[in-house]
PDB file of N, CA and C in Angstrom:
ATOM      1  N   MET A   1       0.841  -1.183   0.000  1.00  0.00           N
ATOM      2  CA  MET A   1       0.000   0.000   0.000  1.00  0.00           C
ATOM      3  C   MET A   1       0.890   1.252   0.000  1.00  0.00           C
ATOM      4  N   ILE A   2       0.470   2.225  -0.763  1.00  0.00           N
ATOM      5  CA  ILE A   2       1.199   3.492  -0.855  1.00  0.00           C
ATOM      6  C   ILE A   2       0.935   4.312   0.409  1.00  0.00           C
ATOM      7  N   ASP A   3       1.958   4.962   0.925  1.00  0.00           N
ATOM      8  CA  ASP A   3       1.850   5.796   2.122  1.00  0.00           C
ATOM      9  C   ASP A   3       1.554   7.237   1.711  1.00  0.00           C
ATOM     10  N   GLY A   4       0.350   7.685   1.984  1.00  0.00           N
ATOM     11  CA  GLY A   4      -0.061   9.032   1.616  1.00  0.00           C
ATOM     12  C   GLY A   4       0.801  10.124   2.232  1.00  0.00           C
ATOM     13  N   ALA A   5       1.228   9.901   3.469  1.00  0.00           N
ATOM     14  CA  ALA A   5       2.074  10.898   4.138  1.00  0.00           C
ATOM     15  C   ALA A   5       3.400  11.069   3.404  1.00  0.00           C
ATOM     16  N   LYS A   6       3.913   9.966   2.850  1.00  0.00           N
ATOM     17  CA  LYS A   6       5.169  10.051   2.088  1.00  0.00           C
ATOM     18  C   LYS A   6       4.956  10.810   0.790  1.00  0.00           C
ATOM     19  N   ILE A   7       3.807  10.573   0.148  1.00  0.00           N
ATOM     20  CA  ILE A   7       3.509  11.314  -1.079  1.00  0.00           C
ATOM     21  C   ILE A   7       3.490  12.810  -0.764  1.00  0.00           C
ATOM     22  N   ARG A   8       2.785  13.176   0.296  1.00  0.00           N
ATOM     23  CA  ARG A   8       2.681  14.593   0.681  1.00  0.00           C
ATOM     24  C   ARG A   8       4.056  15.173   0.987  1.00  0.00           C
ATOM     25  N   GLN A   9       4.838  14.455   1.774  1.00  0.00           N
ATOM     26  CA  GLN A   9       6.171  14.922   2.152  1.00  0.00           C
ATOM     27  C   GLN A   9       7.044  15.143   0.920  1.00  0.00           C
ATOM     28  N   LEU A  10       7.056  14.176   0.016  1.00  0.00           N
ATOM     29  CA  LEU A  10       7.885  14.270  -1.182  1.00  0.00           C
ATOM     30  C   LEU A  10       7.375  15.347  -2.137  1.00  0.00           C
ATOM     31  N   ARG A  11       6.048  15.486  -2.217  1.00  0.00           N
ATOM     32  CA  ARG A  11       5.466  16.523  -3.073  1.00  0.00           C
ATOM     33  C   ARG A  11       5.861  17.910  -2.569  1.00  0.00           C
ATOM     34  N   MET A  12       5.757  18.109  -1.280  1.00  0.00           N
ATOM     35  CA  MET A  12       6.102  19.409  -0.712  1.00  0.00           C
ATOM     36  C   MET A  12       7.605  19.679  -0.841  1.00  0.00           C
ATOM     37  N   LYS A  13       8.414  18.652  -0.658  1.00  0.00           N
ATOM     38  CA  LYS A  13       9.865  18.791  -0.822  1.00  0.00           C
ATOM     39  C   LYS A  13      10.199  19.226  -2.249  1.00  0.00           C
ATOM     40  N   ALA A  14       9.410  18.720  -3.211  1.00  0.00           N
ATOM     41  CA  ALA A  14       9.615  19.070  -4.619  1.00  0.00           C
ATOM     42  C   ALA A  14       9.025  20.440  -4.959  1.00  0.00           C
ATOM     43  N   GLY A  15       8.350  21.065  -3.996  1.00  0.00           N
ATOM     44  CA  GLY A  15       7.757  22.383  -4.236  1.00  0.00           C
ATOM     45  C   GLY A  15       6.549  22.338  -5.142  1.00  0.00           C
ATOM     46  N   MET A  16       5.810  21.226  -5.111  1.00  0.00           N
ATOM     47  CA  MET A  16       4.673  21.023  -5.994  1.00  0.00           C
ATOM     48  C   MET A  16       3.361  21.146  -5.226  1.00  0.00           C
ATOM     49  N   THR A  17       2.364  21.707  -5.860  1.00  0.00           N
ATOM     50  CA  THR A  17       1.023  21.723  -5.275  1.00  0.00           C
ATOM     51  C   THR A  17       0.332  20.404  -5.605  1.00  0.00           C
ATOM     52  N   MET A  18      -0.785  20.141  -4.927  1.00  0.00           N
ATOM     53  CA  MET A  18      -1.561  18.938  -5.254  1.00  0.00           C
ATOM     54  C   MET A  18      -2.062  19.009  -6.694  1.00  0.00           C
ATOM     55  N   ALA A  19      -2.433  20.195  -7.130  1.00  0.00           N
ATOM     56  CA  ALA A  19      -2.917  20.361  -8.504  1.00  0.00           C
ATOM     57  C   ALA A  19      -1.811  20.045  -9.516  1.00  0.00           C
ATOM     58  N   GLU A  20      -0.602  20.501  -9.224  1.00  0.00           N
ATOM     59  CA  GLU A  20       0.519  20.232 -10.138  1.00  0.00           C
ATOM     60  C   GLU A  20       0.837  18.740 -10.200  1.00  0.00           C
ATOM     61  N   LEU A  21       0.852  18.089  -9.048  1.00  0.00           N
ATOM     62  CA  LEU A  21       1.112  16.642  -9.054  1.00  0.00           C
ATOM     63  C   LEU A  21      -0.003  15.917  -9.790  1.00  0.00           C
ATOM     64  N   GLY A  22      -1.230  16.314  -9.517  1.00  0.00           N
ATOM     65  CA  GLY A  22      -2.360  15.695 -10.208  1.00  0.00           C
ATOM     66  C   GLY A  22      -2.247  15.825 -11.712  1.00  0.00           C
ATOM     67  N   TYR A  23      -1.872  17.009 -12.182  1.00  0.00           N
ATOM     68  CA  TYR A  23      -1.708  17.230 -13.620  1.00  0.00           C
ATOM     69  C   TYR A  23      -0.636  16.299 -14.185  1.00  0.00           C
ATOM     70  N   LYS A  24       0.478  16.172 -13.472  1.00  0.00           N
ATOM     71  CA  LYS A  24       1.578  15.335 -13.957  1.00  0.00           C
ATOM     72  C   LYS A  24       1.216  13.861 -14.027  1.00  0.00           C
ATOM     73  N   ILE A  25       0.333  13.407 -13.133  1.00  0.00           N
ATOM     74  CA  ILE A  25       0.012  11.977 -13.111  1.00  0.00           C
ATOM     75  C   ILE A  25      -1.355  11.666 -13.714  1.00  0.00           C
ATOM     76  N   GLY A  26      -2.063  12.718 -14.145  1.00  0.00           N
ATOM     77  CA  GLY A  26      -3.325  12.511 -14.850  1.00  0.00           C
ATOM     78  C   GLY A  26      -4.530  12.265 -13.958  1.00  0.00           C
ATOM     79  N   VAL A  27      -4.532  12.868 -12.767  1.00  0.00           N
ATOM     80  CA  VAL A  27      -5.693  12.774 -11.882  1.00  0.00           C
ATOM     81  C   VAL A  27      -6.034  14.169 -11.364  1.00  0.00           C
ATOM     82  N   THR A  28      -7.163  14.284 -10.687  1.00  0.00           N
ATOM     83  CA  THR A  28      -7.573  15.578 -10.155  1.00  0.00           C
ATOM     84  C   THR A  28      -6.835  15.890  -8.848  1.00  0.00           C
ATOM     85  N   GLU A  29      -6.891  17.157  -8.489  1.00  0.00           N
ATOM     86  CA  GLU A  29      -6.332  17.593  -7.212  1.00  0.00           C
ATOM     87  C   GLU A  29      -7.040  16.871  -6.058  1.00  0.00           C
ATOM     88  N   ALA A  30      -8.345  16.664  -6.197  1.00  0.00           N
ATOM     89  CA  ALA A  30      -9.116  15.961  -5.169  1.00  0.00           C
ATOM     90  C   ALA A  30      -8.614  14.534  -4.987  1.00  0.00           C
ATOM     91  N   MET A  31      -8.258  13.874  -6.090  1.00  0.00           N
ATOM     92  CA  MET A  31      -7.732  12.506  -6.004  1.00  0.00           C
ATOM     93  C   MET A  31      -6.384  12.503  -5.294  1.00  0.00           C
ATOM     94  N   VAL A  32      -5.531  13.475  -5.578  1.00  0.00           N
ATOM     95  CA  VAL A  32      -4.239  13.571  -4.889  1.00  0.00           C
ATOM     96  C   VAL A  32      -4.486  13.747  -3.391  1.00  0.00           C
ATOM     97  N   SER A  33      -5.437  14.592  -3.044  1.00  0.00           N
ATOM     98  CA  SER A  33      -5.775  14.803  -1.639  1.00  0.00           C
ATOM     99  C   SER A  33      -6.209  13.494  -0.983  1.00  0.00           C
ATOM    100  N   GLN A  34      -7.038  12.727  -1.669  1.00  0.00           N
ATOM    101  CA  GLN A  34      -7.494  11.444  -1.128  1.00  0.00           C
ATOM    102  C   GLN A  34      -6.342  10.457  -0.989  1.00  0.00           C
ATOM    103  N   LEU A  35      -5.435  10.451  -1.943  1.00  0.00           N
ATOM    104  CA  LEU A  35      -4.264   9.580  -1.855  1.00  0.00           C
ATOM    105  C   LEU A  35      -3.396   9.964  -0.664  1.00  0.00           C
ATOM    106  N   GLU A  36      -3.188  11.257  -0.480  1.00  0.00           N
ATOM    107  CA  GLU A  36      -2.336  11.728   0.614  1.00  0.00           C
ATOM    108  C   GLU A  36      -2.952  11.448   1.984  1.00  0.00           C
ATOM    109  N   ARG A  37      -4.272  11.383   2.051  1.00  0.00           N
ATOM    110  CA  ARG A  37      -4.945  11.107   3.323  1.00  0.00           C
ATOM    111  C   ARG A  37      -5.263   9.619   3.485  1.00  0.00           C
ATOM    112  N   ASN A  38      -4.724   8.792   2.589  1.00  0.00           N
ATOM    113  CA  ASN A  38      -4.931   7.337   2.616  1.00  0.00           C
ATOM    114  C   ASN A  38      -6.406   6.950   2.540  1.00  0.00           C
ATOM    115  N   LEU A  39      -7.195   7.767   1.857  1.00  0.00           N
ATOM    116  CA  LEU A  39      -8.597   7.439   1.644  1.00  0.00           C
ATOM    117  C   LEU A  39      -8.771   6.610   0.382  1.00  0.00           C
ATOM    118  N   ARG A  40      -7.755   6.630  -0.455  1.00  0.00           N
ATOM    119  CA  ARG A  40      -7.740   5.846  -1.699  1.00  0.00           C
ATOM    120  C   ARG A  40      -6.387   5.208  -1.859  1.00  0.00           C
ATOM    121  N   ASP A  41      -6.386   4.036  -2.432  1.00  0.00           N
ATOM    122  CA  ASP A  41      -5.135   3.393  -2.810  1.00  0.00           C
ATOM    123  C   ASP A  41      -5.032   3.527  -4.329  1.00  0.00           C
ATOM    124  N   THR A  42      -3.918   3.159  -4.874  1.00  0.00           N
ATOM    125  CA  THR A  42      -3.713   3.320  -6.304  1.00  0.00           C
ATOM    126  C   THR A  42      -3.181   2.037  -6.914  1.00  0.00           C
ATOM    127  N   ASN A  43      -3.300   1.937  -8.212  1.00  0.00           N
ATOM    128  CA  ASN A  43      -2.777   0.760  -8.896  1.00  0.00           C
ATOM    129  C   ASN A  43      -1.288   0.948  -9.194  1.00  0.00           C
ATOM    130  N   THR A  44      -0.671  -0.089  -9.693  1.00  0.00           N
ATOM    131  CA  THR A  44       0.762  -0.079  -9.955  1.00  0.00           C
ATOM    132  C   THR A  44       1.150   0.992 -10.964  1.00  0.00           C
ATOM    133  N   GLU A  45       0.346   1.150 -11.990  1.00  0.00           N
ATOM    134  CA  GLU A  45       0.652   2.144 -13.026  1.00  0.00           C
ATOM    135  C   GLU A  45       0.660   3.567 -12.456  1.00  0.00           C
ATOM    136  N   LYS A  46      -0.360   3.908 -11.679  1.00  0.00           N
ATOM    137  CA  LYS A  46      -0.409   5.251 -11.083  1.00  0.00           C
ATOM    138  C   LYS A  46       0.693   5.436 -10.051  1.00  0.00           C
ATOM    139  N   ALA A  47       0.995   4.390  -9.308  1.00  0.00           N
ATOM    140  CA  ALA A  47       2.082   4.480  -8.327  1.00  0.00           C
ATOM    141  C   ALA A  47       3.391   4.807  -9.041  1.00  0.00           C
ATOM    142  N   GLN A  48       3.612   4.202 -10.191  1.00  0.00           N
ATOM    143  CA  GLN A  48       4.825   4.480 -10.961  1.00  0.00           C
ATOM    144  C   GLN A  48       4.819   5.912 -11.477  1.00  0.00           C
ATOM    145  N   ARG A  49       3.653   6.402 -11.918  1.00  0.00           N
ATOM    146  CA  ARG A  49       3.567   7.790 -12.393  1.00  0.00           C
ATOM    147  C   ARG A  49       3.838   8.780 -11.261  1.00  0.00           C
ATOM    148  N   ILE A  50       3.328   8.470 -10.067  1.00  0.00           N
ATOM    149  CA  ILE A  50       3.599   9.327  -8.904  1.00  0.00           C
ATOM    150  C   ILE A  50       5.096   9.336  -8.613  1.00  0.00           C
ATOM    151  N   ALA A  51       5.688   8.154  -8.578  1.00  0.00           N
ATOM    152  CA  ALA A  51       7.126   8.051  -8.297  1.00  0.00           C
ATOM    153  C   ALA A  51       7.931   8.822  -9.340  1.00  0.00           C
ATOM    154  N   ASP A  52       7.586   8.669 -10.606  1.00  0.00           N
ATOM    155  CA  ASP A  52       8.302   9.383 -11.671  1.00  0.00           C
ATOM    156  C   ASP A  52       8.167  10.898 -11.506  1.00  0.00           C
ATOM    157  N   ALA A  53       6.958  11.360 -11.185  1.00  0.00           N
ATOM    158  CA  ALA A  53       6.724  12.801 -11.036  1.00  0.00           C
ATOM    159  C   ALA A  53       7.510  13.377  -9.866  1.00  0.00           C
ATOM    160  N   LEU A  54       7.732  12.544  -8.841  1.00  0.00           N
ATOM    161  CA  LEU A  54       8.444  13.002  -7.651  1.00  0.00           C
ATOM    162  C   LEU A  54       9.927  12.620  -7.660  1.00  0.00           C
ATOM    163  N   ASN A  55      10.362  12.000  -8.750  1.00  0.00           N
ATOM    164  CA  ASN A  55      11.760  11.577  -8.909  1.00  0.00           C
ATOM    165  C   ASN A  55      12.221  10.642  -7.797  1.00  0.00           C
ATOM    166  N   VAL A  56      11.374   9.655  -7.475  1.00  0.00           N
ATOM    167  CA  VAL A  56      11.710   8.637  -6.486  1.00  0.00           C
ATOM    168  C   VAL A  56      11.317   7.280  -7.057  1.00  0.00           C
ATOM    169  N   THR A  57      11.566   6.225  -6.305  1.00  0.00           N
ATOM    170  CA  THR A  57      11.133   4.890  -6.725  1.00  0.00           C
ATOM    171  C   THR A  57       9.782   4.581  -6.076  1.00  0.00           C
ATOM    172  N   VAL A  58       9.087   3.606  -6.613  1.00  0.00           N
ATOM    173  CA  VAL A  58       7.821   3.176  -6.021  1.00  0.00           C
ATOM    174  C   VAL A  58       8.060   2.694  -4.593  1.00  0.00           C
ATOM    175  N   ASN A  59       9.178   2.025  -4.355  1.00  0.00           N
ATOM    176  CA  ASN A  59       9.492   1.557  -3.000  1.00  0.00           C
ATOM    177  C   ASN A  59       9.542   2.706  -2.005  1.00  0.00           C
ATOM    178  N   ASP A  60       9.952   3.879  -2.447  1.00  0.00           N
ATOM    179  CA  ASP A  60      10.003   5.049  -1.563  1.00  0.00           C
ATOM    180  C   ASP A  60       8.613   5.491  -1.128  1.00  0.00           C
ATOM    181  N   LEU A  61       7.586   5.065  -1.848  1.00  0.00           N
ATOM    182  CA  LEU A  61       6.214   5.473  -1.552  1.00  0.00           C
ATOM    183  C   LEU A  61       5.455   4.469  -0.696  1.00  0.00           C
ATOM    184  N   LEU A  62       6.016   3.296  -0.500  1.00  0.00           N
ATOM    185  CA  LEU A  62       5.308   2.239   0.202  1.00  0.00           C
ATOM    186  C   LEU A  62       5.307   2.427   1.702  1.00  0.00           C
ATOM    187  N   LEU A  63       4.237   1.936   2.345  1.00  0.00           N
ATOM    188  CA  LEU A  63       4.174   1.916   3.804  1.00  0.00           C
ATOM    189  C   LEU A  63       5.239   0.959   4.323  1.00  0.00           C
ATOM    190  N   ALA A  64       5.881   1.337   5.393  1.00  0.00           N
ATOM    191  CA  ALA A  64       6.876   0.458   6.013  1.00  0.00           C
ATOM    192  C   ALA A  64       6.144  -0.715   6.674  1.00  0.00           C
ATOM    193  N   ARG A  65       6.626  -1.917   6.447  1.00  0.00           N
ATOM    194  CA  ARG A  65       6.052  -3.106   7.085  1.00  0.00           C
ATOM    195  C   ARG A  65       6.567  -3.205   8.501  1.00  0.00           C
ATOM    196  N   ARG A  66       5.711  -3.594   9.412  1.00  0.00           N
ATOM    197  CA  ARG A  66       6.126  -3.729  10.820  1.00  0.00           C
ATOM    198  C   ARG A  66       6.252  -5.157  11.218  1.00  0.00           C
TER     199      ARG A  66
END
């Protein structure tokens, strides 16, 4: 599962708004908000697009296993 808090942290580090990230990955700002709040999960393809937009790997977006 993708960690929404990590998406938010990396997006802000990149100086990107939710709208800008949404545009880059082909979803709405509302969808980015839902992803960041862990209200929605994403498929592998979108996870890769998020990682590419943030210049990280998909593994960097995953929840840490305990």
